[in-house]
Amino acid sequence: MNIFVCIKQVPGTSKVEVDPVTGVLKRDGIDTKMNPYDLYALETALKIREDKGGEIKVISMGPPQAKEVIKEAYTMGADAGYLYQIESLQEQTF
C-alpha cells in the first residue's frame, strides 16, 4: 500500500512580513516548520503503516528551502519525498 501525505512548509512564527509592492511573503530570515496539521497527517500515516504495512511518500510544493520539511519527514520515517517547484507559482503564498 502506498500512503501519500501532502506537507507544506509554513512560517514558524506569527511575525511575518509581506512585501508592500508585490504582496509576497518575505521568506528570508524567518523560521519555518511543517504545517502542524500536515505533521498530524504524517504521524497518522506512520501508525497506519505500522499496522498495515506499505510505504509513506510525502509531497510538497514550494521554494528550494521547502526541502527541509521533506527531510523532517524522512527523519520521522517517510520512505520517499517529492518537492515540486512550479516557476509560475513561486511567488504564491497559499
PDB file of N, CA and C in Angstrom:
ATOM      1  N   MET A   1       0.845  -1.170   0.000  1.00  0.00           N
ATOM      2  CA  MET A   1       0.000   0.000   0.000  1.00  0.00           C
ATOM      3  C   MET A   1       0.895   1.239   0.000  1.00  0.00           C
ATOM      4  N   ASN A   2       0.584   2.190  -0.861  1.00  0.00           N
ATOM      5  CA  ASN A   2       1.260   3.482  -0.874  1.00  0.00           C
ATOM      6  C   ASN A   2       0.396   4.484  -0.128  1.00  0.00           C
ATOM      7  N   ILE A   3       1.009   5.187   0.812  1.00  0.00           N
ATOM      8  CA  ILE A   3       0.315   6.229   1.562  1.00  0.00           C
ATOM      9  C   ILE A   3       0.975   7.550   1.200  1.00  0.00           C
ATOM     10  N   PHE A   4       0.218   8.434   0.577  1.00  0.00           N
ATOM     11  CA  PHE A   4       0.735   9.745   0.194  1.00  0.00           C
ATOM     12  C   PHE A   4       0.263  10.785   1.200  1.00  0.00           C
ATOM     13  N   VAL A   5       1.192  11.621   1.655  1.00  0.00           N
ATOM     14  CA  VAL A   5       0.865  12.685   2.598  1.00  0.00           C
ATOM     15  C   VAL A   5       1.361  13.999   2.009  1.00  0.00           C
ATOM     16  N   CYS A   6       0.465  14.953   1.874  1.00  0.00           N
ATOM     17  CA  CYS A   6       0.840  16.291   1.404  1.00  0.00           C
ATOM     18  C   CYS A   6       1.301  17.103   2.605  1.00  0.00           C
ATOM     19  N   ILE A   7       2.483  17.696   2.489  1.00  0.00           N
ATOM     20  CA  ILE A   7       3.017  18.517   3.574  1.00  0.00           C
ATOM     21  C   ILE A   7       3.409  19.878   3.021  1.00  0.00           C
ATOM     22  N   LYS A   8       3.422  20.874   3.899  1.00  0.00           N
ATOM     23  CA  LYS A   8       3.734  22.239   3.482  1.00  0.00           C
ATOM     24  C   LYS A   8       4.619  22.890   4.527  1.00  0.00           C
ATOM     25  N   GLN A   9       5.585  23.651   4.061  1.00  0.00           N
ATOM     26  CA  GLN A   9       6.433  24.435   4.948  1.00  0.00           C
ATOM     27  C   GLN A   9       5.729  25.758   5.215  1.00  0.00           C
ATOM     28  N   VAL A  10       5.633  26.127   6.494  1.00  0.00           N
ATOM     29  CA  VAL A  10       4.960  27.369   6.877  1.00  0.00           C
ATOM     30  C   VAL A  10       5.869  28.170   7.806  1.00  0.00           C
ATOM     31  N   PRO A  11       5.606  29.468   7.955  1.00  0.00           N
ATOM     32  CA  PRO A  11       6.394  30.257   8.906  1.00  0.00           C
ATOM     33  C   PRO A  11       6.243  29.698  10.317  1.00  0.00           C
ATOM     34  N   GLY A  12       7.344  29.663  11.050  1.00  0.00           N
ATOM     35  CA  GLY A  12       7.335  29.162  12.419  1.00  0.00           C
ATOM     36  C   GLY A  12       7.023  30.238  13.430  1.00  0.00           C
ATOM     37  N   THR A  13       6.567  31.351  12.964  1.00  0.00           N
ATOM     38  CA  THR A  13       6.275  32.481  13.829  1.00  0.00           C
ATOM     39  C   THR A  13       5.088  33.254  13.282  1.00  0.00           C
ATOM     40  N   SER A  14       4.470  34.028  14.128  1.00  0.00           N
ATOM     41  CA  SER A  14       3.369  34.877  13.653  1.00  0.00           C
ATOM     42  C   SER A  14       3.894  36.226  13.168  1.00  0.00           C
ATOM     43  N   LYS A  15       5.192  36.444  13.323  1.00  0.00           N
ATOM     44  CA  LYS A  15       5.806  37.707  12.906  1.00  0.00           C
ATOM     45  C   LYS A  15       6.345  37.573  11.486  1.00  0.00           C
ATOM     46  N   VAL A  16       5.467  37.675  10.519  1.00  0.00           N
ATOM     47  CA  VAL A  16       5.875  37.591   9.118  1.00  0.00           C
ATOM     48  C   VAL A  16       5.676  38.944   8.462  1.00  0.00           C
ATOM     49  N   GLU A  17       6.455  39.175   7.429  1.00  0.00           N
ATOM     50  CA  GLU A  17       6.344  40.426   6.684  1.00  0.00           C
ATOM     51  C   GLU A  17       5.960  40.129   5.248  1.00  0.00           C
ATOM     52  N   VAL A  18       5.191  41.036   4.696  1.00  0.00           N
ATOM     53  CA  VAL A  18       4.772  40.933   3.305  1.00  0.00           C
ATOM     54  C   VAL A  18       5.350  42.121   2.557  1.00  0.00           C
ATOM     55  N   ASP A  19       5.929  41.854   1.391  1.00  0.00           N
ATOM     56  CA  ASP A  19       6.468  42.922   0.554  1.00  0.00           C
ATOM     57  C   ASP A  19       5.309  43.822   0.141  1.00  0.00           C
ATOM     58  N   PRO A  20       5.376  45.124   0.470  1.00  0.00           N
ATOM     59  CA  PRO A  20       4.256  46.016   0.165  1.00  0.00           C
ATOM     60  C   PRO A  20       4.023  46.227  -1.331  1.00  0.00           C
ATOM     61  N   VAL A  21       5.047  46.023  -2.134  1.00  0.00           N
ATOM     62  CA  VAL A  21       4.913  46.231  -3.578  1.00  0.00           C
ATOM     63  C   VAL A  21       4.324  44.996  -4.258  1.00  0.00           C
ATOM     64  N   THR A  22       4.890  43.831  -3.948  1.00  0.00           N
ATOM     65  CA  THR A  22       4.464  42.606  -4.630  1.00  0.00           C
ATOM     66  C   THR A  22       3.370  41.845  -3.888  1.00  0.00           C
ATOM     67  N   GLY A  23       3.233  42.101  -2.588  1.00  0.00           N
ATOM     68  CA  GLY A  23       2.255  41.366  -1.796  1.00  0.00           C
ATOM     69  C   GLY A  23       2.687  39.950  -1.468  1.00  0.00           C
ATOM     70  N   VAL A  24       3.980  39.666  -1.640  1.00  0.00           N
ATOM     71  CA  VAL A  24       4.524  38.321  -1.433  1.00  0.00           C
ATOM     72  C   VAL A  24       5.168  38.237  -0.050  1.00  0.00           C
ATOM     73  N   LEU A  25       4.991  37.096   0.590  1.00  0.00           N
ATOM     74  CA  LEU A  25       5.600  36.837   1.882  1.00  0.00           C
ATOM     75  C   LEU A  25       7.117  36.932   1.771  1.00  0.00           C
ATOM     76  N   LYS A  26       7.749  37.664   2.688  1.00  0.00           N
ATOM     77  CA  LYS A  26       9.213  37.742   2.729  1.00  0.00           C
ATOM     78  C   LYS A  26       9.715  36.511   3.472  1.00  0.00           C
ATOM     79  N   ARG A  27      10.361  35.599   2.741  1.00  0.00           N
ATOM     80  CA  ARG A  27      10.794  34.321   3.307  1.00  0.00           C
ATOM     81  C   ARG A  27      12.189  34.372   3.920  1.00  0.00           C
ATOM     82  N   ASP A  28      12.987  35.356   3.538  1.00  0.00           N
ATOM     83  CA  ASP A  28      14.365  35.417   4.017  1.00  0.00           C
ATOM     84  C   ASP A  28      14.406  35.708   5.515  1.00  0.00           C
ATOM     85  N   GLY A  29      15.162  34.878   6.219  1.00  0.00           N
ATOM     86  CA  GLY A  29      15.407  35.118   7.630  1.00  0.00           C
ATOM     87  C   GLY A  29      14.282  34.738   8.576  1.00  0.00           C
ATOM     88  N   ILE A  30      13.237  34.068   8.083  1.00  0.00           N
ATOM     89  CA  ILE A  30      12.180  33.658   9.009  1.00  0.00           C
ATOM     90  C   ILE A  30      12.314  32.171   9.321  1.00  0.00           C
ATOM     91  N   ASP A  31      11.956  31.826  10.531  1.00  0.00           N
ATOM     92  CA  ASP A  31      11.975  30.432  10.959  1.00  0.00           C
ATOM     93  C   ASP A  31      10.798  29.713  10.313  1.00  0.00           C
ATOM     94  N   THR A  32      11.010  28.485   9.878  1.00  0.00           N
ATOM     95  CA  THR A  32       9.932  27.729   9.240  1.00  0.00           C
ATOM     96  C   THR A  32       9.764  26.376   9.914  1.00  0.00           C
ATOM     97  N   LYS A  33       8.605  25.767   9.662  1.00  0.00           N
ATOM     98  CA  LYS A  33       8.314  24.450  10.216  1.00  0.00           C
ATOM     99  C   LYS A  33       7.291  23.769   9.324  1.00  0.00           C
ATOM    100  N   MET A  34       7.037  22.492   9.598  1.00  0.00           N
ATOM    101  CA  MET A  34       5.988  21.782   8.886  1.00  0.00           C
ATOM    102  C   MET A  34       4.637  22.242   9.444  1.00  0.00           C
ATOM    103  N   ASN A  35       3.679  22.435   8.562  1.00  0.00           N
ATOM    104  CA  ASN A  35       2.332  22.781   8.979  1.00  0.00           C
ATOM    105  C   ASN A  35       1.877  21.769  10.036  1.00  0.00           C
ATOM    106  N   PRO A  36       1.386  22.230  11.189  1.00  0.00           N
ATOM    107  CA  PRO A  36       1.002  21.301  12.259  1.00  0.00           C
ATOM    108  C   PRO A  36      -0.033  20.252  11.843  1.00  0.00           C
ATOM    109  N   TYR A  37      -0.985  20.611  10.996  1.00  0.00           N
ATOM    110  CA  TYR A  37      -1.979  19.638  10.542  1.00  0.00           C
ATOM    111  C   TYR A  37      -1.343  18.587   9.632  1.00  0.00           C
ATOM    112  N   ASP A  38      -0.354  19.002   8.851  1.00  0.00           N
ATOM    113  CA  ASP A  38       0.361  18.061   7.993  1.00  0.00           C
ATOM    114  C   ASP A  38       1.210  17.110   8.838  1.00  0.00           C
ATOM    115  N   LEU A  39       1.777  17.638   9.906  1.00  0.00           N
ATOM    116  CA  LEU A  39       2.543  16.807  10.836  1.00  0.00           C
ATOM    117  C   LEU A  39       1.634  15.730  11.437  1.00  0.00           C
ATOM    118  N   TYR A  40       0.434  16.109  11.802  1.00  0.00           N
ATOM    119  CA  TYR A  40      -0.535  15.143  12.334  1.00  0.00           C
ATOM    120  C   TYR A  40      -0.871  14.082  11.285  1.00  0.00           C
ATOM    121  N   ALA A  41      -1.050  14.511  10.037  1.00  0.00           N
ATOM    122  CA  ALA A  41      -1.347  13.563   8.952  1.00  0.00           C
ATOM    123  C   ALA A  41      -0.194  12.579   8.766  1.00  0.00           C
ATOM    124  N   LEU A  42       1.035  13.072   8.845  1.00  0.00           N
ATOM    125  CA  LEU A  42       2.199  12.198   8.704  1.00  0.00           C
ATOM    126  C   LEU A  42       2.265  11.200   9.862  1.00  0.00           C
ATOM    127  N   GLU A  43       2.016  11.670  11.073  1.00  0.00           N
ATOM    128  CA  GLU A  43       2.015  10.771  12.228  1.00  0.00           C
ATOM    129  C   GLU A  43       0.941   9.689  12.074  1.00  0.00           C
ATOM    130  N   THR A  44      -0.214  10.068  11.550  1.00  0.00           N
ATOM    131  CA  THR A  44      -1.287   9.103  11.315  1.00  0.00           C
ATOM    132  C   THR A  44      -0.868   8.079  10.265  1.00  0.00           C
ATOM    133  N   ALA A  45      -0.218   8.550   9.204  1.00  0.00           N
ATOM    134  CA  ALA A  45       0.271   7.643   8.159  1.00  0.00           C
ATOM    135  C   ALA A  45       1.286   6.655   8.731  1.00  0.00           C
ATOM    136  N   LEU A  46       2.141   7.117   9.621  1.00  0.00           N
ATOM    137  CA  LEU A  46       3.125   6.232  10.243  1.00  0.00           C
ATOM    138  C   LEU A  46       2.432   5.133  11.057  1.00  0.00           C
ATOM    139  N   LYS A  47       1.361   5.488  11.744  1.00  0.00           N
ATOM    140  CA  LYS A  47       0.609   4.492  12.518  1.00  0.00           C
ATOM    141  C   LYS A  47      -0.068   3.485  11.593  1.00  0.00           C
ATOM    142  N   ILE A  48      -0.623   3.966  10.494  1.00  0.00           N
ATOM    143  CA  ILE A  48      -1.264   3.066   9.528  1.00  0.00           C
ATOM    144  C   ILE A  48      -0.237   2.095   8.958  1.00  0.00           C
ATOM    145  N   ARG A  49       0.938   2.621   8.594  1.00  0.00           N
ATOM    146  CA  ARG A  49       1.981   1.751   8.048  1.00  0.00           C
ATOM    147  C   ARG A  49       2.409   0.701   9.065  1.00  0.00           C
ATOM    148  N   GLU A  50       2.489   1.101  10.322  1.00  0.00           N
ATOM    149  CA  GLU A  50       2.868   0.158  11.375  1.00  0.00           C
ATOM    150  C   GLU A  50       1.861  -0.994  11.468  1.00  0.00           C
ATOM    151  N   ASP A  51       0.582  -0.675  11.304  1.00  0.00           N
ATOM    152  CA  ASP A  51      -0.472  -1.699  11.400  1.00  0.00           C
ATOM    153  C   ASP A  51      -0.654  -2.499  10.116  1.00  0.00           C
ATOM    154  N   LYS A  52      -0.591  -1.829   8.973  1.00  0.00           N
ATOM    155  CA  LYS A  52      -0.965  -2.455   7.699  1.00  0.00           C
ATOM    156  C   LYS A  52       0.189  -2.653   6.724  1.00  0.00           C
ATOM    157  N   GLY A  53       1.350  -2.032   7.001  1.00  0.00           N
ATOM    158  CA  GLY A  53       2.465  -2.110   6.070  1.00  0.00           C
ATOM    159  C   GLY A  53       2.356  -1.050   4.990  1.00  0.00           C
ATOM    160  N   GLY A  54       3.271  -1.086   4.052  1.00  0.00           N
ATOM    161  CA  GLY A  54       3.252  -0.152   2.935  1.00  0.00           C
ATOM    162  C   GLY A  54       4.383   0.854   2.986  1.00  0.00           C
ATOM    163  N   GLU A  55       4.297   1.835   2.106  1.00  0.00           N
ATOM    164  CA  GLU A  55       5.300   2.896   2.017  1.00  0.00           C
ATOM    165  C   GLU A  55       4.633   4.249   2.164  1.00  0.00           C
ATOM    166  N   ILE A  56       5.332   5.156   2.854  1.00  0.00           N
ATOM    167  CA  ILE A  56       4.843   6.521   3.019  1.00  0.00           C
ATOM    168  C   ILE A  56       5.640   7.424   2.101  1.00  0.00           C
ATOM    169  N   LYS A  57       4.918   8.174   1.283  1.00  0.00           N
ATOM    170  CA  LYS A  57       5.534   9.118   0.357  1.00  0.00           C
ATOM    171  C   LYS A  57       4.962  10.500   0.650  1.00  0.00           C
ATOM    172  N   VAL A  58       5.855  11.463   0.882  1.00  0.00           N
ATOM    173  CA  VAL A  58       5.402  12.825   1.154  1.00  0.00           C
ATOM    174  C   VAL A  58       5.597  13.686  -0.081  1.00  0.00           C
ATOM    175  N   ILE A  59       4.690  14.627  -0.252  1.00  0.00           N
ATOM    176  CA  ILE A  59       4.707  15.522  -1.402  1.00  0.00           C
ATOM    177  C   ILE A  59       4.583  16.944  -0.881  1.00  0.00           C
ATOM    178  N   SER A  60       5.405  17.842  -1.418  1.00  0.00           N
ATOM    179  CA  SER A  60       5.296  19.249  -1.064  1.00  0.00           C
ATOM    180  C   SER A  60       5.537  20.097  -2.302  1.00  0.00           C
ATOM    181  N   MET A  61       5.087  21.323  -2.229  1.00  0.00           N
ATOM    182  CA  MET A  61       5.322  22.289  -3.295  1.00  0.00           C
ATOM    183  C   MET A  61       5.840  23.556  -2.634  1.00  0.00           C
ATOM    184  N   GLY A  62       6.859  24.137  -3.215  1.00  0.00           N
ATOM    185  CA  GLY A  62       7.377  25.363  -2.635  1.00  0.00           C
ATOM    186  C   GLY A  62       8.752  25.705  -3.164  1.00  0.00           C
ATOM    187  N   PRO A  63       9.372  26.706  -2.540  1.00  0.00           N
ATOM    188  CA  PRO A  63      10.711  27.122  -2.947  1.00  0.00           C
ATOM    189  C   PRO A  63      11.744  26.077  -2.513  1.00  0.00           C
ATOM    190  N   PRO A  64      12.985  26.215  -2.970  1.00  0.00           N
ATOM    191  CA  PRO A  64      14.012  25.218  -2.638  1.00  0.00           C
ATOM    192  C   PRO A  64      14.143  24.930  -1.140  1.00  0.00           C
ATOM    193  N   GLN A  65      13.974  25.948  -0.302  1.00  0.00           N
ATOM    194  CA  GLN A  65      14.132  25.713   1.138  1.00  0.00           C
ATOM    195  C   GLN A  65      13.023  24.836   1.724  1.00  0.00           C
ATOM    196  N   ALA A  66      11.965  24.584   0.968  1.00  0.00           N
ATOM    197  CA  ALA A  66      10.888  23.696   1.434  1.00  0.00           C
ATOM    198  C   ALA A  66      11.364  22.254   1.542  1.00  0.00           C
ATOM    199  N   LYS A  67      12.545  21.963   1.003  1.00  0.00           N
ATOM    200  CA  LYS A  67      13.081  20.601   1.131  1.00  0.00           C
ATOM    201  C   LYS A  67      13.337  20.250   2.592  1.00  0.00           C
ATOM    202  N   GLU A  68      13.395  21.255   3.451  1.00  0.00           N
ATOM    203  CA  GLU A  68      13.620  20.989   4.871  1.00  0.00           C
ATOM    204  C   GLU A  68      12.476  20.183   5.484  1.00  0.00           C
ATOM    205  N   VAL A  69      11.231  20.435   5.051  1.00  0.00           N
ATOM    206  CA  VAL A  69      10.117  19.643   5.591  1.00  0.00           C
ATOM    207  C   VAL A  69      10.150  18.220   5.036  1.00  0.00           C
ATOM    208  N   ILE A  70      10.673  18.064   3.832  1.00  0.00           N
ATOM    209  CA  ILE A  70      10.844  16.714   3.277  1.00  0.00           C
ATOM    210  C   ILE A  70      11.870  15.956   4.130  1.00  0.00           C
ATOM    211  N   LYS A  71      12.971  16.619   4.466  1.00  0.00           N
ATOM    212  CA  LYS A  71      13.996  15.997   5.310  1.00  0.00           C
ATOM    213  C   LYS A  71      13.423  15.630   6.677  1.00  0.00           C
ATOM    214  N   GLU A  72      12.601  16.525   7.230  1.00  0.00           N
ATOM    215  CA  GLU A  72      11.968  16.248   8.526  1.00  0.00           C
ATOM    216  C   GLU A  72      11.096  14.995   8.432  1.00  0.00           C
ATOM    217  N   ALA A  73      10.363  14.873   7.333  1.00  0.00           N
ATOM    218  CA  ALA A  73       9.506  13.699   7.133  1.00  0.00           C
ATOM    219  C   ALA A  73      10.348  12.424   7.046  1.00  0.00           C
ATOM    220  N   TYR A  74      11.510  12.509   6.382  1.00  0.00           N
ATOM    221  CA  TYR A  74      12.415  11.351   6.318  1.00  0.00           C
ATOM    222  C   TYR A  74      12.862  10.945   7.721  1.00  0.00           C
ATOM    223  N   THR A  75      13.212  11.928   8.541  1.00  0.00           N
ATOM    224  CA  THR A  75      13.682  11.595   9.890  1.00  0.00           C
ATOM    225  C   THR A  75      12.578  10.967  10.730  1.00  0.00           C
ATOM    226  N   MET A  76      11.341  11.278  10.402  1.00  0.00           N
ATOM    227  CA  MET A  76      10.207  10.696  11.126  1.00  0.00           C
ATOM    228  C   MET A  76       9.875   9.293  10.626  1.00  0.00           C
ATOM    229  N   GLY A  77      10.342   8.942   9.408  1.00  0.00           N
ATOM    230  CA  GLY A  77      10.112   7.600   8.904  1.00  0.00           C
ATOM    231  C   GLY A  77       9.513   7.498   7.520  1.00  0.00           C
ATOM    232  N   ALA A  78       9.329   8.620   6.826  1.00  0.00           N
ATOM    233  CA  ALA A  78       8.815   8.558   5.448  1.00  0.00           C
ATOM    234  C   ALA A  78       9.811   7.808   4.572  1.00  0.00           C
ATOM    235  N   ASP A  79       9.286   7.109   3.573  1.00  0.00           N
ATOM    236  CA  ASP A  79      10.131   6.317   2.683  1.00  0.00           C
ATOM    237  C   ASP A  79      10.603   7.086   1.456  1.00  0.00           C
ATOM    238  N   ALA A  80       9.831   8.077   1.030  1.00  0.00           N
ATOM    239  CA  ALA A  80      10.189   8.864  -0.151  1.00  0.00           C
ATOM    240  C   ALA A  80       9.596  10.255  -0.004  1.00  0.00           C
ATOM    241  N   GLY A  81      10.208  11.199  -0.700  1.00  0.00           N
ATOM    242  CA  GLY A  81       9.710  12.571  -0.646  1.00  0.00           C
ATOM    243  C   GLY A  81       9.883  13.260  -1.977  1.00  0.00           C
ATOM    244  N   TYR A  82       8.920  14.096  -2.313  1.00  0.00           N
ATOM    245  CA  TYR A  82       8.930  14.804  -3.591  1.00  0.00           C
ATOM    246  C   TYR A  82       8.639  16.277  -3.351  1.00  0.00           C
ATOM    247  N   LEU A  83       9.495  17.136  -3.879  1.00  0.00           N
ATOM    248  CA  LEU A  83       9.293  18.579  -3.792  1.00  0.00           C
ATOM    249  C   LEU A  83       9.070  19.103  -5.197  1.00  0.00           C
ATOM    250  N   TYR A  84       7.907  19.676  -5.421  1.00  0.00           N
ATOM    251  CA  TYR A  84       7.574  20.254  -6.720  1.00  0.00           C
ATOM    252  C   TYR A  84       7.807  21.751  -6.666  1.00  0.00           C
ATOM    253  N   GLN A  85       8.535  22.233  -7.652  1.00  0.00           N
ATOM    254  CA  GLN A  85       8.807  23.659  -7.771  1.00  0.00           C
ATOM    255  C   GLN A  85       8.245  24.117  -9.105  1.00  0.00           C
ATOM    256  N   ILE A  86       7.151  24.834  -9.043  1.00  0.00           N
ATOM    257  CA  ILE A  86       6.481  25.312 -10.245  1.00  0.00           C
ATOM    258  C   ILE A  86       6.778  26.800 -10.369  1.00  0.00           C
ATOM    259  N   GLU A  87       7.557  27.134 -11.370  1.00  0.00           N
ATOM    260  CA  GLU A  87       8.055  28.501 -11.526  1.00  0.00           C
ATOM    261  C   GLU A  87       6.943  29.545 -11.484  1.00  0.00           C
ATOM    262  N   SER A  88       5.839  29.273 -12.146  1.00  0.00           N
ATOM    263  CA  SER A  88       4.767  30.269 -12.204  1.00  0.00           C
ATOM    264  C   SER A  88       4.079  30.469 -10.856  1.00  0.00           C
ATOM    265  N   LEU A  89       4.317  29.568  -9.902  1.00  0.00           N
ATOM    266  CA  LEU A  89       3.685  29.687  -8.586  1.00  0.00           C
ATOM    267  C   LEU A  89       4.669  30.076  -7.489  1.00  0.00           C
ATOM    268  N   GLN A  90       5.900  30.378  -7.837  1.00  0.00           N
ATOM    269  CA  GLN A  90       6.918  30.657  -6.832  1.00  0.00           C
ATOM    270  C   GLN A  90       6.573  31.838  -5.933  1.00  0.00           C
ATOM    271  N   GLU A  91       5.837  32.786  -6.431  1.00  0.00           N
ATOM    272  CA  GLU A  91       5.511  33.965  -5.633  1.00  0.00           C
ATOM    273  C   GLU A  91       4.204  33.812  -4.864  1.00  0.00           C
ATOM    274  N   GLN A  92       3.534  32.683  -5.019  1.00  0.00           N
ATOM    275  CA  GLN A  92       2.267  32.464  -4.319  1.00  0.00           C
ATOM    276  C   GLN A  92       2.529  32.043  -2.878  1.00  0.00           C
ATOM    277  N   THR A  93       1.642  32.395  -1.992  1.00  0.00           N
ATOM    278  CA  THR A  93       1.766  32.028  -0.582  1.00  0.00           C
ATOM    279  C   THR A  93       0.486  31.348  -0.117  1.00  0.00           C
ATOM    280  N   PHE A  94       0.161  30.237  -0.730  1.00  0.00           N
ATOM    281  CA  PHE A  94      -1.078  29.514  -0.408  1.00  0.00           C
ATOM    282  C   PHE A  94      -1.109  29.143   1.047  1.00  0.00           C
TER     283      PHE A  94
END
